[in-house]
Amino acid sequence: MTTKQTTLSPTAQFFERALSFSSTTQKEIAKLAGFPMPNAISMMKTGEMKVPIERIPALSNAMGINPSDFLATALKEYQPEVWEVINNTFGTYIGSAELDLVILYRLANSKGHIELNAEVGDLLLSLFTVLAKKNAK
């Protein structure tokens, strides 16, 4: 019996998640991103091999995802000092999921003022915690 290995690498986890939602095969992704051997894809998703930062745009394009979140994840993990300089220079990075939340908040707020007090913050934290646990399964 084989068991699935879970990697601690946030970049590998991001990559694995993106692959699971992609309709493109790993072999096709490898070819589109310029990897001569398709096993590189498997090695990156398990964390055995780092995702080459310079290949993130091609990998993202092959999987049909926005490269910004993928790149931010990789830079935070692989080159935290560089990420800190970029973030401090250009401002705090907001990922696509966070941007979606801002848009949802603005839509809801346009229907009536939403006061973000401690009670609302606790409710949102509870909701996000439940969602995170659900998505981790």
N, C-alpha and C. Protein backbone atom coordinates (compact mmCIF):
# COMPACT_ATOMS: atom_id res chain seq x y z
N MET A 1 0.85 -1.19 0.00
CA MET A 1 0.00 0.00 0.00
C MET A 1 0.89 1.24 0.00
N THR A 2 0.62 2.15 -0.90
CA THR A 2 1.38 3.39 -0.94
C THR A 2 0.57 4.50 -0.31
N THR A 3 1.26 5.38 0.35
CA THR A 3 0.59 6.52 0.94
C THR A 3 1.10 7.79 0.28
N LYS A 4 0.24 8.75 0.18
CA LYS A 4 0.59 10.03 -0.43
C LYS A 4 1.46 10.82 0.54
N GLN A 5 2.62 11.27 0.04
CA GLN A 5 3.49 12.09 0.86
C GLN A 5 3.02 13.53 0.80
N THR A 6 3.01 14.17 1.95
CA THR A 6 2.64 15.57 2.01
C THR A 6 3.90 16.39 2.22
N THR A 7 4.08 17.38 1.39
CA THR A 7 5.24 18.25 1.50
C THR A 7 4.92 19.44 2.39
N LEU A 8 5.93 19.95 3.03
CA LEU A 8 5.78 21.15 3.86
C LEU A 8 6.03 22.41 3.05
N SER A 9 6.51 22.26 1.82
CA SER A 9 6.82 23.40 0.97
C SER A 9 5.54 24.09 0.50
N PRO A 10 5.34 25.36 0.87
CA PRO A 10 4.16 26.08 0.39
C PRO A 10 4.10 26.17 -1.13
N THR A 11 5.26 26.28 -1.76
CA THR A 11 5.30 26.38 -3.23
C THR A 11 4.86 25.07 -3.86
N ALA A 12 5.37 23.95 -3.34
CA ALA A 12 4.97 22.64 -3.86
C ALA A 12 3.48 22.41 -3.62
N GLN A 13 2.98 22.81 -2.46
CA GLN A 13 1.55 22.65 -2.17
C GLN A 13 0.71 23.48 -3.13
N PHE A 14 1.14 24.72 -3.39
CA PHE A 14 0.43 25.58 -4.34
C PHE A 14 0.42 24.93 -5.71
N PHE A 15 1.59 24.44 -6.13
CA PHE A 15 1.72 23.81 -7.44
C PHE A 15 0.83 22.57 -7.54
N GLU A 16 0.85 21.74 -6.51
CA GLU A 16 0.03 20.53 -6.51
C GLU A 16 -1.46 20.88 -6.62
N ARG A 17 -1.89 21.90 -5.88
CA ARG A 17 -3.28 22.34 -5.93
C ARG A 17 -3.65 22.84 -7.33
N ALA A 18 -2.77 23.65 -7.91
CA ALA A 18 -3.02 24.18 -9.26
C ALA A 18 -3.10 23.04 -10.27
N LEU A 19 -2.22 22.06 -10.13
CA LEU A 19 -2.25 20.90 -11.03
C LEU A 19 -3.57 20.13 -10.92
N SER A 20 -4.05 20.01 -9.69
CA SER A 20 -5.28 19.24 -9.49
C SER A 20 -6.50 19.90 -10.14
N PHE A 21 -6.45 21.22 -10.32
CA PHE A 21 -7.56 21.93 -10.94
C PHE A 21 -7.36 22.13 -12.45
N SER A 22 -6.17 21.82 -12.93
CA SER A 22 -5.88 22.03 -14.34
C SER A 22 -6.44 20.90 -15.19
N SER A 23 -6.94 21.24 -16.36
CA SER A 23 -7.43 20.22 -17.29
C SER A 23 -6.30 19.71 -18.19
N THR A 24 -5.12 20.32 -18.08
CA THR A 24 -3.96 19.92 -18.86
C THR A 24 -3.21 18.82 -18.12
N THR A 25 -2.73 17.82 -18.86
CA THR A 25 -1.99 16.72 -18.22
C THR A 25 -0.61 17.20 -17.79
N GLN A 26 -0.02 16.48 -16.85
CA GLN A 26 1.32 16.83 -16.38
C GLN A 26 2.33 16.74 -17.52
N LYS A 27 2.16 15.78 -18.40
CA LYS A 27 3.07 15.64 -19.54
C LYS A 27 2.97 16.86 -20.46
N GLU A 28 1.75 17.33 -20.69
CA GLU A 28 1.55 18.51 -21.53
C GLU A 28 2.11 19.76 -20.85
N ILE A 29 1.90 19.87 -19.55
CA ILE A 29 2.41 21.02 -18.80
C ILE A 29 3.93 21.05 -18.88
N ALA A 30 4.56 19.89 -18.70
CA ALA A 30 6.02 19.82 -18.80
C ALA A 30 6.49 20.30 -20.17
N LYS A 31 5.84 19.84 -21.21
CA LYS A 31 6.23 20.24 -22.56
C LYS A 31 6.02 21.74 -22.78
N LEU A 32 4.86 22.24 -22.39
CA LEU A 32 4.55 23.66 -22.58
C LEU A 32 5.48 24.58 -21.79
N ALA A 33 5.94 24.10 -20.63
CA ALA A 33 6.81 24.91 -19.77
C ALA A 33 8.29 24.69 -20.06
N GLY A 34 8.59 23.83 -21.05
CA GLY A 34 9.98 23.64 -21.45
C GLY A 34 10.78 22.66 -20.63
N PHE A 35 10.12 21.72 -19.97
CA PHE A 35 10.84 20.69 -19.23
C PHE A 35 10.97 19.46 -20.12
N PRO A 36 12.21 19.00 -20.39
CA PRO A 36 12.38 17.85 -21.28
C PRO A 36 11.83 16.55 -20.70
N MET A 37 11.81 16.44 -19.38
CA MET A 37 11.33 15.22 -18.73
C MET A 37 10.08 15.53 -17.90
N PRO A 38 8.96 14.85 -18.19
CA PRO A 38 7.72 15.13 -17.45
C PRO A 38 7.81 14.80 -15.96
N ASN A 39 8.78 13.96 -15.56
CA ASN A 39 8.87 13.63 -14.13
C ASN A 39 9.27 14.84 -13.29
N ALA A 40 9.78 15.90 -13.93
CA ALA A 40 10.11 17.13 -13.20
C ALA A 40 8.84 17.70 -12.56
N ILE A 41 7.72 17.58 -13.23
CA ILE A 41 6.45 18.07 -12.70
C ILE A 41 6.11 17.33 -11.40
N SER A 42 6.24 16.00 -11.43
CA SER A 42 5.96 15.21 -10.22
C SER A 42 6.91 15.57 -9.09
N MET A 43 8.18 15.79 -9.43
CA MET A 43 9.17 16.13 -8.40
C MET A 43 8.90 17.50 -7.79
N MET A 44 8.42 18.44 -8.60
CA MET A 44 8.12 19.78 -8.07
C MET A 44 6.89 19.74 -7.18
N LYS A 45 5.88 18.97 -7.56
CA LYS A 45 4.65 18.96 -6.76
C LYS A 45 4.82 18.24 -5.43
N THR A 46 5.83 17.36 -5.33
CA THR A 46 6.08 16.68 -4.06
C THR A 46 7.13 17.40 -3.22
N GLY A 47 7.76 18.42 -3.80
CA GLY A 47 8.78 19.16 -3.07
C GLY A 47 10.17 18.56 -3.19
N GLU A 48 10.32 17.49 -3.98
CA GLU A 48 11.64 16.89 -4.19
C GLU A 48 12.54 17.83 -4.99
N MET A 49 11.93 18.68 -5.78
CA MET A 49 12.65 19.63 -6.62
C MET A 49 11.98 20.99 -6.47
N LYS A 50 12.78 22.03 -6.32
CA LYS A 50 12.20 23.37 -6.25
C LYS A 50 11.62 23.75 -7.61
N VAL A 51 10.56 24.54 -7.57
CA VAL A 51 10.00 25.08 -8.80
C VAL A 51 10.92 26.21 -9.25
N PRO A 52 11.52 26.11 -10.44
CA PRO A 52 12.38 27.20 -10.89
C PRO A 52 11.56 28.48 -11.08
N ILE A 53 11.97 29.53 -10.40
CA ILE A 53 11.21 30.78 -10.43
C ILE A 53 11.03 31.30 -11.84
N GLU A 54 12.07 31.16 -12.66
CA GLU A 54 11.98 31.67 -14.03
C GLU A 54 10.99 30.88 -14.89
N ARG A 55 10.56 29.70 -14.42
CA ARG A 55 9.60 28.89 -15.17
C ARG A 55 8.16 29.09 -14.69
N ILE A 56 7.98 29.86 -13.63
CA ILE A 56 6.63 30.06 -13.09
C ILE A 56 5.67 30.67 -14.11
N PRO A 57 6.06 31.67 -14.90
CA PRO A 57 5.11 32.18 -15.90
C PRO A 57 4.67 31.10 -16.90
N ALA A 58 5.62 30.30 -17.38
CA ALA A 58 5.28 29.25 -18.35
C ALA A 58 4.43 28.16 -17.70
N LEU A 59 4.77 27.77 -16.48
CA LEU A 59 3.98 26.76 -15.77
C LEU A 59 2.55 27.28 -15.53
N SER A 60 2.45 28.53 -15.10
CA SER A 60 1.15 29.13 -14.83
C SER A 60 0.31 29.18 -16.10
N ASN A 61 0.92 29.59 -17.19
CA ASN A 61 0.23 29.66 -18.47
C ASN A 61 -0.26 28.27 -18.89
N ALA A 62 0.59 27.26 -18.72
CA ALA A 62 0.22 25.89 -19.09
C ALA A 62 -0.94 25.36 -18.25
N MET A 63 -1.01 25.78 -16.98
CA MET A 63 -2.08 25.32 -16.09
C MET A 63 -3.30 26.22 -16.14
N GLY A 64 -3.18 27.38 -16.79
CA GLY A 64 -4.30 28.30 -16.89
C GLY A 64 -4.57 29.07 -15.61
N ILE A 65 -3.49 29.41 -14.88
CA ILE A 65 -3.65 30.17 -13.63
C ILE A 65 -2.90 31.50 -13.74
N ASN A 66 -3.25 32.43 -12.85
CA ASN A 66 -2.56 33.70 -12.76
C ASN A 66 -1.20 33.45 -12.11
N PRO A 67 -0.11 33.89 -12.72
CA PRO A 67 1.21 33.61 -12.14
C PRO A 67 1.55 34.41 -10.88
N SER A 68 0.82 35.47 -10.59
CA SER A 68 1.16 36.34 -9.46
C SER A 68 1.18 35.61 -8.13
N ASP A 69 0.13 34.85 -7.83
CA ASP A 69 0.08 34.14 -6.54
C ASP A 69 1.16 33.06 -6.46
N PHE A 70 1.39 32.37 -7.58
CA PHE A 70 2.41 31.32 -7.64
C PHE A 70 3.79 31.93 -7.39
N LEU A 71 4.08 33.03 -8.08
CA LEU A 71 5.37 33.69 -7.93
C LEU A 71 5.56 34.23 -6.50
N ALA A 72 4.53 34.85 -5.96
CA ALA A 72 4.63 35.37 -4.59
C ALA A 72 4.91 34.24 -3.60
N THR A 73 4.23 33.12 -3.76
CA THR A 73 4.44 31.98 -2.87
C THR A 73 5.88 31.48 -2.96
N ALA A 74 6.39 31.35 -4.18
CA ALA A 74 7.75 30.86 -4.37
C ALA A 74 8.79 31.84 -3.82
N LEU A 75 8.61 33.11 -4.10
CA LEU A 75 9.58 34.10 -3.59
C LEU A 75 9.58 34.14 -2.06
N LYS A 76 8.40 34.08 -1.44
CA LYS A 76 8.34 34.10 0.03
C LYS A 76 9.11 32.91 0.61
N GLU A 77 9.01 31.76 -0.06
CA GLU A 77 9.68 30.56 0.46
C GLU A 77 11.16 30.50 0.08
N TYR A 78 11.46 30.69 -1.19
CA TYR A 78 12.82 30.49 -1.69
C TYR A 78 13.75 31.68 -1.47
N GLN A 79 13.21 32.88 -1.57
CA GLN A 79 14.03 34.07 -1.46
C GLN A 79 13.32 35.13 -0.61
N PRO A 80 13.17 34.83 0.69
CA PRO A 80 12.40 35.73 1.55
C PRO A 80 12.97 37.16 1.63
N GLU A 81 14.29 37.30 1.52
CA GLU A 81 14.87 38.64 1.57
C GLU A 81 14.48 39.45 0.34
N VAL A 82 14.50 38.79 -0.82
CA VAL A 82 14.10 39.46 -2.06
C VAL A 82 12.62 39.81 -1.99
N TRP A 83 11.81 38.87 -1.48
CA TRP A 83 10.37 39.12 -1.36
C TRP A 83 10.12 40.33 -0.45
N GLU A 84 10.86 40.41 0.65
CA GLU A 84 10.68 41.52 1.59
C GLU A 84 11.00 42.86 0.92
N VAL A 85 12.07 42.90 0.14
CA VAL A 85 12.44 44.14 -0.56
C VAL A 85 11.35 44.51 -1.57
N ILE A 86 10.89 43.54 -2.33
CA ILE A 86 9.84 43.79 -3.33
C ILE A 86 8.57 44.28 -2.63
N ASN A 87 8.19 43.60 -1.59
CA ASN A 87 6.96 43.95 -0.86
C ASN A 87 7.06 45.33 -0.22
N ASN A 88 8.22 45.64 0.35
CA ASN A 88 8.41 46.95 0.98
C ASN A 88 8.49 48.07 -0.05
N THR A 89 9.01 47.75 -1.23
CA THR A 89 9.16 48.76 -2.27
C THR A 89 7.85 49.03 -3.00
N PHE A 90 7.15 47.98 -3.36
CA PHE A 90 5.94 48.12 -4.17
C PHE A 90 4.65 48.10 -3.36
N GLY A 91 4.75 47.77 -2.08
CA GLY A 91 3.56 47.70 -1.23
C GLY A 91 3.14 46.27 -0.99
N THR A 92 2.26 46.10 -0.04
CA THR A 92 1.80 44.78 0.35
C THR A 92 1.11 44.09 -0.81
N TYR A 93 1.53 42.87 -1.07
CA TYR A 93 0.93 42.06 -2.14
C TYR A 93 -0.43 41.55 -1.69
N ILE A 94 -1.41 41.68 -2.55
CA ILE A 94 -2.73 41.12 -2.29
C ILE A 94 -2.98 40.06 -3.35
N GLY A 95 -3.13 38.83 -2.88
CA GLY A 95 -3.36 37.71 -3.79
C GLY A 95 -4.74 37.78 -4.42
N SER A 96 -4.95 36.95 -5.43
CA SER A 96 -6.22 36.98 -6.16
C SER A 96 -7.40 36.60 -5.27
N ALA A 97 -7.20 35.65 -4.35
CA ALA A 97 -8.30 35.27 -3.45
C ALA A 97 -8.63 36.43 -2.50
N GLU A 98 -7.60 37.12 -2.03
CA GLU A 98 -7.82 38.27 -1.14
C GLU A 98 -8.52 39.40 -1.90
N LEU A 99 -8.14 39.60 -3.14
CA LEU A 99 -8.79 40.62 -3.96
C LEU A 99 -10.27 40.28 -4.17
N ASP A 100 -10.56 39.00 -4.37
CA ASP A 100 -11.96 38.56 -4.49
C ASP A 100 -12.74 38.92 -3.23
N LEU A 101 -12.11 38.76 -2.05
CA LEU A 101 -12.78 39.10 -0.80
C LEU A 101 -13.05 40.60 -0.71
N VAL A 102 -12.10 41.40 -1.15
CA VAL A 102 -12.29 42.85 -1.15
C VAL A 102 -13.47 43.21 -2.04
N ILE A 103 -13.54 42.60 -3.21
CA ILE A 103 -14.65 42.87 -4.13
C ILE A 103 -15.98 42.45 -3.52
N LEU A 104 -16.01 41.28 -2.88
CA LEU A 104 -17.24 40.82 -2.22
C LEU A 104 -17.64 41.78 -1.09
N TYR A 105 -16.65 42.24 -0.32
CA TYR A 105 -16.94 43.20 0.75
C TYR A 105 -17.53 44.47 0.17
N ARG A 106 -16.95 44.97 -0.89
CA ARG A 106 -17.44 46.21 -1.50
C ARG A 106 -18.86 46.04 -2.04
N LEU A 107 -19.15 44.89 -2.61
CA LEU A 107 -20.51 44.62 -3.10
C LEU A 107 -21.50 44.61 -1.94
N ALA A 108 -21.13 43.91 -0.88
CA ALA A 108 -22.01 43.84 0.29
C ALA A 108 -22.14 45.20 0.96
N ASN A 109 -21.06 45.94 1.03
CA ASN A 109 -21.05 47.24 1.68
C ASN A 109 -21.90 48.26 0.92
N SER A 110 -22.02 48.07 -0.39
CA SER A 110 -22.82 49.01 -1.19
C SER A 110 -24.31 48.88 -0.88
N LYS A 111 -24.69 47.78 -0.26
CA LYS A 111 -26.10 47.54 0.09
C LYS A 111 -26.43 48.04 1.49
N GLY A 112 -25.43 48.50 2.19
CA GLY A 112 -25.58 49.01 3.56
C GLY A 112 -24.24 48.94 4.25
N HIS A 113 -23.94 49.92 5.08
CA HIS A 113 -22.63 50.00 5.71
C HIS A 113 -22.35 48.77 6.59
N ILE A 114 -21.16 48.20 6.43
CA ILE A 114 -20.71 47.09 7.25
C ILE A 114 -19.62 47.61 8.17
N GLU A 115 -19.89 47.62 9.44
CA GLU A 115 -18.88 48.07 10.40
C GLU A 115 -18.01 46.88 10.76
N LEU A 116 -16.71 47.02 10.53
CA LEU A 116 -15.77 45.94 10.85
C LEU A 116 -15.27 46.11 12.28
N ASN A 117 -16.10 45.63 13.20
CA ASN A 117 -15.73 45.70 14.62
C ASN A 117 -15.22 44.32 15.07
N ALA A 118 -14.92 44.18 16.34
CA ALA A 118 -14.37 42.94 16.88
C ALA A 118 -15.31 41.76 16.67
N GLU A 119 -16.61 41.99 16.85
CA GLU A 119 -17.58 40.91 16.69
C GLU A 119 -17.60 40.40 15.25
N VAL A 120 -17.62 41.31 14.29
CA VAL A 120 -17.61 40.92 12.87
C VAL A 120 -16.28 40.24 12.54
N GLY A 121 -15.18 40.77 13.08
CA GLY A 121 -13.88 40.15 12.86
C GLY A 121 -13.83 38.72 13.37
N ASP A 122 -14.40 38.48 14.55
CA ASP A 122 -14.44 37.13 15.12
C ASP A 122 -15.29 36.20 14.25
N LEU A 123 -16.42 36.71 13.75
CA LEU A 123 -17.28 35.90 12.88
C LEU A 123 -16.56 35.55 11.57
N LEU A 124 -15.89 36.51 10.99
CA LEU A 124 -15.15 36.26 9.75
C LEU A 124 -14.02 35.27 9.98
N LEU A 125 -13.30 35.43 11.08
CA LEU A 125 -12.22 34.51 11.40
C LEU A 125 -12.75 33.09 11.57
N SER A 126 -13.89 32.95 12.24
CA SER A 126 -14.50 31.63 12.41
C SER A 126 -14.88 31.02 11.06
N LEU A 127 -15.49 31.85 10.21
CA LEU A 127 -15.88 31.38 8.88
C LEU A 127 -14.66 30.94 8.07
N PHE A 128 -13.62 31.77 8.05
CA PHE A 128 -12.43 31.43 7.28
C PHE A 128 -11.73 30.20 7.83
N THR A 129 -11.75 30.02 9.15
CA THR A 129 -11.14 28.84 9.77
C THR A 129 -11.88 27.58 9.34
N VAL A 130 -13.21 27.64 9.34
CA VAL A 130 -14.01 26.48 8.89
C VAL A 130 -13.72 26.17 7.43
N LEU A 131 -13.65 27.21 6.60
CA LEU A 131 -13.38 27.02 5.17
C LEU A 131 -11.99 26.43 4.95
N ALA A 132 -11.01 26.91 5.70
CA ALA A 132 -9.65 26.40 5.57
C ALA A 132 -9.57 24.92 5.95
N LYS A 133 -10.27 24.55 7.03
CA LYS A 133 -10.28 23.14 7.43
C LYS A 133 -10.98 22.28 6.39
N LYS A 134 -12.04 22.80 5.83
CA LYS A 134 -12.79 22.06 4.80
C LYS A 134 -11.92 21.86 3.56
N ASN A 135 -11.20 22.90 3.15
CA ASN A 135 -10.34 22.82 1.97
C ASN A 135 -9.12 21.96 2.19
N ALA A 136 -8.69 21.79 3.45
CA ALA A 136 -7.50 20.99 3.74
C ALA A 136 -7.78 19.49 3.62
N LYS A 137 -9.04 19.13 3.61
CA LYS A 137 -9.40 17.69 3.54
C LYS A 137 -9.21 17.15 2.17
